[in-house]
């Protein structure tokens, strides 16, 4: 059965947060979702923006019919 946007949004993808010492703020990416990244002036806004970016990335990827990898499970 094909997964829905809500199925993928509920999955725990690794979120990487890096402080941008040159420009200020924080850059957030999802290494398991290639090309899915964003930034924010502080941690809170960076994480909120990351959730929006993740949703938009998943919507576009589902629409294009490209296979989406499920998150790696850390044991």
PDB file of N, CA and C in Angstrom:
ATOM      1  N   UNK A   1       0.834  -1.190   0.000  1.00  0.00           N
ATOM      2  CA  UNK A   1       0.000   0.000   0.000  1.00  0.00           C
ATOM      3  C   UNK A   1       0.880   1.256   0.000  1.00  0.00           C
ATOM      4  N   UNK A   2       0.493   2.231  -0.795  1.00  0.00           N
ATOM      5  CA  UNK A   2       1.267   3.455  -0.900  1.00  0.00           C
ATOM      6  C   UNK A   2       1.075   4.322   0.344  1.00  0.00           C
ATOM      7  N   UNK A   3       2.164   4.880   0.833  1.00  0.00           N
ATOM      8  CA  UNK A   3       2.101   5.725   2.018  1.00  0.00           C
ATOM      9  C   UNK A   3       1.600   7.126   1.635  1.00  0.00           C
ATOM     10  N   UNK A   4       0.951   7.778   2.595  1.00  0.00           N
ATOM     11  CA  UNK A   4       0.439   9.128   2.383  1.00  0.00           C
ATOM     12  C   UNK A   4       1.421  10.151   2.957  1.00  0.00           C
ATOM     13  N   UNK A   5       1.156  11.413   2.668  1.00  0.00           N
ATOM     14  CA  UNK A   5       1.964  12.497   3.231  1.00  0.00           C
ATOM     15  C   UNK A   5       1.990  12.398   4.754  1.00  0.00           C
ATOM     16  N   UNK A   6       0.826  12.140   5.366  1.00  0.00           N
ATOM     17  CA  UNK A   6       0.768  12.035   6.834  1.00  0.00           C
ATOM     18  C   UNK A   6       1.608  10.876   7.343  1.00  0.00           C
ATOM     19  N   UNK A   7       1.644   9.768   6.589  1.00  0.00           N
ATOM     20  CA  UNK A   7       2.486   8.632   6.986  1.00  0.00           C
ATOM     21  C   UNK A   7       3.947   9.062   7.060  1.00  0.00           C
ATOM     22  N   UNK A   8       4.404   9.743   6.005  1.00  0.00           N
ATOM     23  CA  UNK A   8       5.803  10.170   5.964  1.00  0.00           C
ATOM     24  C   UNK A   8       6.097  11.258   6.998  1.00  0.00           C
ATOM     25  N   UNK A   9       5.160  12.174   7.209  1.00  0.00           N
ATOM     26  CA  UNK A   9       5.377  13.241   8.199  1.00  0.00           C
ATOM     27  C   UNK A   9       5.519  12.674   9.611  1.00  0.00           C
ATOM     28  N   UNK A  10       4.866  11.550   9.872  1.00  0.00           N
ATOM     29  CA  UNK A  10       4.918  10.931  11.201  1.00  0.00           C
ATOM     30  C   UNK A  10       6.224  10.170  11.438  1.00  0.00           C
ATOM     31  N   UNK A  11       6.980   9.916  10.371  1.00  0.00           N
ATOM     32  CA  UNK A  11       8.228   9.162  10.520  1.00  0.00           C
ATOM     33  C   UNK A  11       9.329  10.054  11.096  1.00  0.00           C
ATOM     34  N   UNK A  12      10.204   9.438  11.865  1.00  0.00           N
ATOM     35  CA  UNK A  12      11.278  10.176  12.539  1.00  0.00           C
ATOM     36  C   UNK A  12      12.538  10.234  11.686  1.00  0.00           C
ATOM     37  N   UNK A  13      12.544  11.168  10.729  1.00  0.00           N
ATOM     38  CA  UNK A  13      13.732  11.388   9.915  1.00  0.00           C
ATOM     39  C   UNK A  13      14.755  12.174  10.732  1.00  0.00           C
ATOM     40  N   UNK A  14      16.018  11.847  10.543  1.00  0.00           N
ATOM     41  CA  UNK A  14      17.105  12.540  11.233  1.00  0.00           C
ATOM     42  C   UNK A  14      17.127  14.007  10.797  1.00  0.00           C
ATOM     43  N   UNK A  15      17.147  14.916  11.774  1.00  0.00           N
ATOM     44  CA  UNK A  15      17.228  16.346  11.504  1.00  0.00           C
ATOM     45  C   UNK A  15      18.602  16.826  11.958  1.00  0.00           C
ATOM     46  N   UNK A  16      19.333  17.455  11.046  1.00  0.00           N
ATOM     47  CA  UNK A  16      20.672  17.961  11.366  1.00  0.00           C
ATOM     48  C   UNK A  16      20.606  19.479  11.448  1.00  0.00           C
ATOM     49  N   UNK A  17      21.054  20.038  12.575  1.00  0.00           N
ATOM     50  CA  UNK A  17      21.021  21.485  12.790  1.00  0.00           C
ATOM     51  C   UNK A  17      22.455  21.972  12.943  1.00  0.00           C
ATOM     52  N   UNK A  18      22.828  22.946  12.111  1.00  0.00           N
ATOM     53  CA  UNK A  18      24.195  23.471  12.141  1.00  0.00           C
ATOM     54  C   UNK A  18      24.127  24.989  12.284  1.00  0.00           C
ATOM     55  N   UNK A  19      24.903  25.526  13.217  1.00  0.00           N
ATOM     56  CA  UNK A  19      24.971  26.975  13.372  1.00  0.00           C
ATOM     57  C   UNK A  19      25.759  27.561  12.208  1.00  0.00           C
ATOM     58  N   UNK A  20      25.213  28.613  11.600  1.00  0.00           N
ATOM     59  CA  UNK A  20      25.898  29.304  10.505  1.00  0.00           C
ATOM     60  C   UNK A  20      26.691  30.450  11.111  1.00  0.00           C
ATOM     61  N   UNK A  21      27.971  30.203  11.382  1.00  0.00           N
ATOM     62  CA  UNK A  21      28.800  31.196  12.059  1.00  0.00           C
ATOM     63  C   UNK A  21      29.112  32.394  11.161  1.00  0.00           C
ATOM     64  N   UNK A  22      29.070  32.221   9.847  1.00  0.00           N
ATOM     65  CA  UNK A  22      29.364  33.318   8.926  1.00  0.00           C
ATOM     66  C   UNK A  22      28.169  34.257   8.760  1.00  0.00           C
ATOM     67  N   UNK A  23      27.005  33.708   8.470  1.00  0.00           N
ATOM     68  CA  UNK A  23      25.812  34.506   8.185  1.00  0.00           C
ATOM     69  C   UNK A  23      24.921  34.711   9.408  1.00  0.00           C
ATOM     70  N   UNK A  24      25.107  33.877  10.441  1.00  0.00           N
ATOM     71  CA  UNK A  24      24.240  33.919  11.608  1.00  0.00           C
ATOM     72  C   UNK A  24      23.052  32.988  11.404  1.00  0.00           C
ATOM     73  N   UNK A  25      22.426  32.608  12.485  1.00  0.00           N
ATOM     74  CA  UNK A  25      21.278  31.710  12.398  1.00  0.00           C
ATOM     75  C   UNK A  25      21.691  30.250  12.324  1.00  0.00           C
ATOM     76  N   UNK A  26      20.769  29.419  11.859  1.00  0.00           N
ATOM     77  CA  UNK A  26      20.968  27.978  11.845  1.00  0.00           C
ATOM     78  C   UNK A  26      20.469  27.392  10.533  1.00  0.00           C
ATOM     79  N   UNK A  27      21.176  26.394  10.039  1.00  0.00           N
ATOM     80  CA  UNK A  27      20.791  25.666   8.841  1.00  0.00           C
ATOM     81  C   UNK A  27      20.303  24.297   9.287  1.00  0.00           C
ATOM     82  N   UNK A  28      19.162  23.866   8.780  1.00  0.00           N
ATOM     83  CA  UNK A  28      18.596  22.571   9.143  1.00  0.00           C
ATOM     84  C   UNK A  28      18.414  21.742   7.876  1.00  0.00           C
ATOM     85  N   UNK A  29      18.827  20.473   7.965  1.00  0.00           N
ATOM     86  CA  UNK A  29      18.636  19.568   6.828  1.00  0.00           C
ATOM     87  C   UNK A  29      18.167  18.213   7.332  1.00  0.00           C
ATOM     88  N   UNK A  30      17.638  17.446   6.381  1.00  0.00           N
ATOM     89  CA  UNK A  30      17.235  16.064   6.632  1.00  0.00           C
ATOM     90  C   UNK A  30      18.104  15.203   5.712  1.00  0.00           C
ATOM     91  N   UNK A  31      19.227  14.661   6.214  1.00  0.00           N
ATOM     92  CA  UNK A  31      20.152  13.910   5.361  1.00  0.00           C
ATOM     93  C   UNK A  31      19.495  12.768   4.576  1.00  0.00           C
ATOM     94  N   UNK A  32      18.419  12.201   5.101  1.00  0.00           N
ATOM     95  CA  UNK A  32      17.752  11.086   4.423  1.00  0.00           C
ATOM     96  C   UNK A  32      16.782  11.556   3.335  1.00  0.00           C
ATOM     97  N   UNK A  33      16.576  12.871   3.257  1.00  0.00           N
ATOM     98  CA  UNK A  33      15.701  13.458   2.242  1.00  0.00           C
ATOM     99  C   UNK A  33      16.559  14.418   1.413  1.00  0.00           C
ATOM    100  N   UNK A  34      17.214  13.930   0.372  1.00  0.00           N
ATOM    101  CA  UNK A  34      18.180  14.729  -0.386  1.00  0.00           C
ATOM    102  C   UNK A  34      17.606  16.042  -0.912  1.00  0.00           C
ATOM    103  N   UNK A  35      18.299  17.130  -0.590  1.00  0.00           N
ATOM    104  CA  UNK A  35      17.871  18.445  -1.042  1.00  0.00           C
ATOM    105  C   UNK A  35      16.860  19.121  -0.142  1.00  0.00           C
ATOM    106  N   UNK A  36      16.500  18.483   0.960  1.00  0.00           N
ATOM    107  CA  UNK A  36      15.527  19.058   1.889  1.00  0.00           C
ATOM    108  C   UNK A  36      16.277  19.796   2.995  1.00  0.00           C
ATOM    109  N   UNK A  37      16.319  21.129   2.883  1.00  0.00           N
ATOM    110  CA  UNK A  37      17.001  21.927   3.898  1.00  0.00           C
ATOM    111  C   UNK A  37      16.402  23.320   3.957  1.00  0.00           C
ATOM    112  N   UNK A  38      16.659  24.018   5.044  1.00  0.00           N
ATOM    113  CA  UNK A  38      16.162  25.374   5.250  1.00  0.00           C
ATOM    114  C   UNK A  38      17.013  26.036   6.312  1.00  0.00           C
ATOM    115  N   UNK A  39      16.627  27.221   6.741  1.00  0.00           N
ATOM    116  CA  UNK A  39      17.384  27.918   7.780  1.00  0.00           C
ATOM    117  C   UNK A  39      16.430  28.769   8.618  1.00  0.00           C
ATOM    118  N   UNK A  40      16.968  29.336   9.679  1.00  0.00           N
ATOM    119  CA  UNK A  40      16.194  30.214  10.545  1.00  0.00           C
ATOM    120  C   UNK A  40      17.115  31.059  11.384  1.00  0.00           C
ATOM    121  N   UNK A  41      16.597  32.182  11.879  1.00  0.00           N
ATOM    122  CA  UNK A  41      17.417  33.101  12.673  1.00  0.00           C
ATOM    123  C   UNK A  41      17.792  32.524  14.026  1.00  0.00           C
ATOM    124  N   UNK A  42      16.919  31.650  14.575  1.00  0.00           N
ATOM    125  CA  UNK A  42      17.212  30.998  15.858  1.00  0.00           C
ATOM    126  C   UNK A  42      16.763  29.533  15.749  1.00  0.00           C
ATOM    127  N   UNK A  43      17.072  28.756  16.767  1.00  0.00           N
ATOM    128  CA  UNK A  43      16.764  27.320  16.730  1.00  0.00           C
ATOM    129  C   UNK A  43      15.261  27.087  16.519  1.00  0.00           C
ATOM    130  N   UNK A  44      14.438  27.829  17.239  1.00  0.00           N
ATOM    131  CA  UNK A  44      12.991  27.620  17.159  1.00  0.00           C
ATOM    132  C   UNK A  44      12.467  27.874  15.744  1.00  0.00           C
ATOM    133  N   UNK A  45      12.876  28.983  15.140  1.00  0.00           N
ATOM    134  CA  UNK A  45      12.383  29.285  13.792  1.00  0.00           C
ATOM    135  C   UNK A  45      12.982  28.323  12.771  1.00  0.00           C
ATOM    136  N   UNK A  46      14.223  27.894  12.989  1.00  0.00           N
ATOM    137  CA  UNK A  46      14.852  26.934  12.073  1.00  0.00           C
ATOM    138  C   UNK A  46      14.098  25.609  12.088  1.00  0.00           C
ATOM    139  N   UNK A  47      13.695  25.146  13.261  1.00  0.00           N
ATOM    140  CA  UNK A  47      12.961  23.878  13.370  1.00  0.00           C
ATOM    141  C   UNK A  47      11.561  24.020  12.762  1.00  0.00           C
ATOM    142  N   UNK A  48      10.889  25.144  13.016  1.00  0.00           N
ATOM    143  CA  UNK A  48       9.563  25.371  12.428  1.00  0.00           C
ATOM    144  C   UNK A  48       9.673  25.399  10.904  1.00  0.00           C
ATOM    145  N   UNK A  49      10.685  26.088  10.384  1.00  0.00           N
ATOM    146  CA  UNK A  49      10.902  26.144   8.938  1.00  0.00           C
ATOM    147  C   UNK A  49      11.229  24.763   8.385  1.00  0.00           C
ATOM    148  N   UNK A  50      11.951  23.967   9.176  1.00  0.00           N
ATOM    149  CA  UNK A  50      12.316  22.615   8.738  1.00  0.00           C
ATOM    150  C   UNK A  50      11.079  21.737   8.570  1.00  0.00           C
ATOM    151  N   UNK A  51      10.105  21.882   9.455  1.00  0.00           N
ATOM    152  CA  UNK A  51       8.878  21.097   9.333  1.00  0.00           C
ATOM    153  C   UNK A  51       8.117  21.492   8.061  1.00  0.00           C
ATOM    154  N   UNK A  52       8.104  22.799   7.758  1.00  0.00           N
ATOM    155  CA  UNK A  52       7.463  23.266   6.520  1.00  0.00           C
ATOM    156  C   UNK A  52       8.216  22.741   5.296  1.00  0.00           C
ATOM    157  N   UNK A  53       9.551  22.792   5.353  1.00  0.00           N
ATOM    158  CA  UNK A  53      10.366  22.319   4.227  1.00  0.00           C
ATOM    159  C   UNK A  53      10.190  20.822   4.023  1.00  0.00           C
ATOM    160  N   UNK A  54      10.127  20.070   5.128  1.00  0.00           N
ATOM    161  CA  UNK A  54       9.940  18.617   5.043  1.00  0.00           C
ATOM    162  C   UNK A  54       8.599  18.307   4.372  1.00  0.00           C
ATOM    163  N   UNK A  55       7.553  19.013   4.780  1.00  0.00           N
ATOM    164  CA  UNK A  55       6.226  18.780   4.209  1.00  0.00           C
ATOM    165  C   UNK A  55       6.226  19.102   2.715  1.00  0.00           C
ATOM    166  N   UNK A  56       6.790  20.260   2.339  1.00  0.00           N
ATOM    167  CA  UNK A  56       6.832  20.659   0.928  1.00  0.00           C
ATOM    168  C   UNK A  56       7.658  19.668   0.106  1.00  0.00           C
ATOM    169  N   UNK A  57       8.784  19.222   0.650  1.00  0.00           N
ATOM    170  CA  UNK A  57       9.649  18.259  -0.043  1.00  0.00           C
ATOM    171  C   UNK A  57       8.889  16.950  -0.262  1.00  0.00           C
ATOM    172  N   UNK A  58       8.233  16.465   0.776  1.00  0.00           N
ATOM    173  CA  UNK A  58       7.484  15.211   0.666  1.00  0.00           C
ATOM    174  C   UNK A  58       6.337  15.342  -0.331  1.00  0.00           C
ATOM    175  N   UNK A  59       5.594  16.453  -0.275  1.00  0.00           N
ATOM    176  CA  UNK A  59       4.488  16.658  -1.216  1.00  0.00           C
ATOM    177  C   UNK A  59       4.992  16.617  -2.660  1.00  0.00           C
ATOM    178  N   UNK A  60       6.075  17.344  -2.932  1.00  0.00           N
ATOM    179  CA  UNK A  60       6.620  17.399  -4.294  1.00  0.00           C
ATOM    180  C   UNK A  60       7.137  16.036  -4.740  1.00  0.00           C
ATOM    181  N   UNK A  61       7.761  15.316  -3.831  1.00  0.00           N
ATOM    182  CA  UNK A  61       8.329  14.014  -4.170  1.00  0.00           C
ATOM    183  C   UNK A  61       7.234  12.984  -4.407  1.00  0.00           C
ATOM    184  N   UNK A  62       6.200  13.000  -3.574  1.00  0.00           N
ATOM    185  CA  UNK A  62       5.058  12.095  -3.764  1.00  0.00           C
ATOM    186  C   UNK A  62       4.401  12.399  -5.106  1.00  0.00           C
ATOM    187  N   UNK A  63       4.196  13.680  -5.404  1.00  0.00           N
ATOM    188  CA  UNK A  63       3.540  14.087  -6.645  1.00  0.00           C
ATOM    189  C   UNK A  63       4.338  13.655  -7.878  1.00  0.00           C
ATOM    190  N   UNK A  64       5.670  13.678  -7.762  1.00  0.00           N
ATOM    191  CA  UNK A  64       6.511  13.308  -8.903  1.00  0.00           C
ATOM    192  C   UNK A  64       6.644  11.796  -9.069  1.00  0.00           C
ATOM    193  N   UNK A  65       6.184  11.046  -8.056  1.00  0.00           N
ATOM    194  CA  UNK A  65       6.223   9.589  -8.139  1.00  0.00           C
ATOM    195  C   UNK A  65       7.573   8.973  -7.807  1.00  0.00           C
ATOM    196  N   UNK A  66       8.479   9.777  -7.283  1.00  0.00           N
ATOM    197  CA  UNK A  66       9.803   9.274  -6.904  1.00  0.00           C
ATOM    198  C   UNK A  66       9.691   8.523  -5.574  1.00  0.00           C
ATOM    199  N   UNK A  67      10.421   7.426  -5.463  1.00  0.00           N
ATOM    200  CA  UNK A  67      10.396   6.641  -4.227  1.00  0.00           C
ATOM    201  C   UNK A  67      11.037   7.426  -3.086  1.00  0.00           C
ATOM    202  N   UNK A  68      10.408   7.379  -1.930  1.00  0.00           N
ATOM    203  CA  UNK A  68      10.913   8.062  -0.736  1.00  0.00           C
ATOM    204  C   UNK A  68      11.434   6.998   0.224  1.00  0.00           C
ATOM    205  N   UNK A  69      12.690   7.195   0.642  1.00  0.00           N
ATOM    206  CA  UNK A  69      13.278   6.255   1.599  1.00  0.00           C
ATOM    207  C   UNK A  69      12.685   6.473   2.975  1.00  0.00           C
ATOM    208  N   UNK A  70      12.469   5.381   3.687  1.00  0.00           N
ATOM    209  CA  UNK A  70      12.046   5.504   5.077  1.00  0.00           C
ATOM    210  C   UNK A  70      13.282   5.801   5.921  1.00  0.00           C
ATOM    211  N   UNK A  71      13.094   6.405   7.096  1.00  0.00           N
ATOM    212  CA  UNK A  71      14.249   6.765   7.912  1.00  0.00           C
ATOM    213  C   UNK A  71      15.014   5.532   8.378  1.00  0.00           C
ATOM    214  N   UNK A  72      16.325   5.733   8.550  1.00  0.00           N
ATOM    215  CA  UNK A  72      17.158   4.684   9.123  1.00  0.00           C
ATOM    216  C   UNK A  72      16.778   4.528  10.584  1.00  0.00           C
ATOM    217  N   UNK A  73      16.754   3.306  11.057  1.00  0.00           N
ATOM    218  CA  UNK A  73      16.391   3.039  12.451  1.00  0.00           C
ATOM    219  C   UNK A  73      17.676   2.939  13.267  1.00  0.00           C
ATOM    220  N   UNK A  74      17.764   3.757  14.309  1.00  0.00           N
ATOM    221  CA  UNK A  74      18.926   3.689  15.197  1.00  0.00           C
ATOM    222  C   UNK A  74      18.625   2.715  16.305  1.00  0.00           C
ATOM    223  N   UNK A  75      19.483   1.746  16.474  1.00  0.00           N
ATOM    224  CA  UNK A  75      19.260   0.727  17.504  1.00  0.00           C
ATOM    225  C   UNK A  75      20.108   1.030  18.706  1.00  0.00           C
TER     226      UNK A  75
END
